[in-house]
Amino acid sequence: MQAMTQFEKRIFQDVHGLPPVLQEKIAHLVHLVRQEFIPSNTTYKSETDEFLSTCGKWKDSKTIEEQLNELYAARCSTERTEHTF
């Protein structure tokens, strides 16, 4: 059997010792939450793929060094914050 996470332990401690009728109600609530609010067929990989299909992947033929140089070159100084720091 797999070890319980800290959250599973907390839930177990909160439920432990309660009358069976209350434990049953809590079990129904947990089941309801899992069924209604947590999609069972969603995985991290599918969420990532879905996000990337929406936004697309970064495509650039420049090297990382070239991209960083462009970023630094595009920065400009301003006198607005000169006295702030």
Protein backbone atom coordinates (compact mmCIF):
# COMPACT_ATOMS: atom_id res chain seq x y z
CA MET A 1 0.00 0.00 0.00
CA GLN A 2 1.22 3.49 -0.84
CA ALA A 3 2.04 5.85 2.04
CA MET A 4 -0.51 8.55 2.78
CA THR A 5 0.22 12.15 1.88
CA GLN A 6 0.13 14.79 4.60
CA PHE A 7 -3.33 15.84 3.39
CA GLU A 8 -4.68 12.31 3.49
CA LYS A 9 -3.34 12.03 7.05
CA ARG A 10 -5.07 15.29 8.01
CA ILE A 11 -8.36 14.12 6.53
CA PHE A 12 -8.04 10.78 8.29
CA GLN A 13 -7.32 12.51 11.63
CA ASP A 14 -10.31 14.82 11.19
CA VAL A 15 -12.66 11.93 10.41
CA HIS A 16 -11.20 9.44 12.89
CA GLY A 17 -13.36 9.05 15.96
CA LEU A 18 -16.47 10.63 14.48
CA PRO A 19 -19.67 8.59 14.62
CA PRO A 20 -20.14 6.35 11.56
CA VAL A 21 -23.14 8.41 10.42
CA LEU A 22 -20.96 11.53 10.16
CA GLN A 23 -18.13 9.59 8.52
CA GLU A 24 -20.61 8.41 5.88
CA LYS A 25 -21.73 11.99 5.21
CA ILE A 26 -18.12 13.13 4.84
CA ALA A 27 -17.41 10.22 2.49
CA HIS A 28 -20.40 11.31 0.37
CA LEU A 29 -19.07 14.89 0.29
CA VAL A 30 -15.63 13.74 -0.80
CA HIS A 31 -17.19 11.57 -3.49
CA LEU A 32 -19.35 14.49 -4.68
CA VAL A 33 -16.37 16.83 -4.88
CA ARG A 34 -14.31 14.29 -6.81
CA GLN A 35 -17.14 13.49 -9.18
CA GLU A 36 -18.38 17.03 -9.85
CA PHE A 37 -15.26 19.19 -9.66
CA ILE A 38 -12.26 17.03 -10.55
CA PRO A 39 -12.17 15.77 -14.12
CA SER A 40 -11.17 12.12 -14.06
CA ASN A 41 -9.73 11.99 -17.57
CA THR A 42 -7.46 15.04 -17.30
CA THR A 43 -3.75 14.51 -16.91
CA TYR A 44 -0.91 16.98 -16.59
CA LYS A 45 0.35 16.10 -20.07
CA SER A 46 -3.05 16.64 -21.68
CA GLU A 47 -3.43 19.99 -19.88
CA THR A 48 -0.02 21.06 -21.14
CA ASP A 49 -0.81 19.93 -24.67
CA GLU A 50 -4.13 21.79 -24.54
CA PHE A 51 -2.39 24.99 -23.38
CA LEU A 52 0.29 24.73 -26.05
CA SER A 53 -2.30 24.14 -28.76
CA THR A 54 -4.01 27.36 -27.71
CA CYS A 55 -0.93 29.55 -27.54
CA GLY A 56 1.50 27.70 -29.73
CA LYS A 57 5.13 27.00 -29.02
CA TRP A 58 7.85 29.62 -29.16
CA LYS A 59 9.44 29.52 -32.58
CA ASP A 60 12.60 31.46 -33.30
CA SER A 61 15.69 30.65 -35.29
CA LYS A 62 17.89 32.84 -33.09
CA THR A 63 20.08 31.34 -30.42
CA ILE A 64 19.40 32.04 -26.78
CA GLU A 65 22.42 34.35 -26.68
CA GLU A 66 21.07 36.38 -29.62
CA GLN A 67 17.65 36.64 -27.99
CA LEU A 68 19.16 37.78 -24.69
CA ASN A 69 21.32 40.35 -26.45
CA GLU A 70 18.21 41.74 -28.17
CA LEU A 71 16.39 41.97 -24.84
CA TYR A 72 19.25 43.81 -23.16
CA ALA A 73 19.67 46.13 -26.16
CA ALA A 74 15.96 46.99 -26.13
CA ARG A 75 16.07 48.15 -22.51
CA CYS A 76 16.26 51.87 -22.07
CA SER A 77 17.07 54.06 -19.13
CA THR A 78 14.54 56.43 -17.70
CA GLU A 79 14.90 59.33 -15.33
CA ARG A 80 11.45 58.74 -13.83
CA THR A 81 12.79 56.33 -11.21
CA GLU A 82 16.15 58.00 -10.71
CA HIS A 83 15.24 59.42 -7.29
CA THR A 84 13.16 56.47 -6.16
CA PHE A 85 16.03 54.16 -5.32
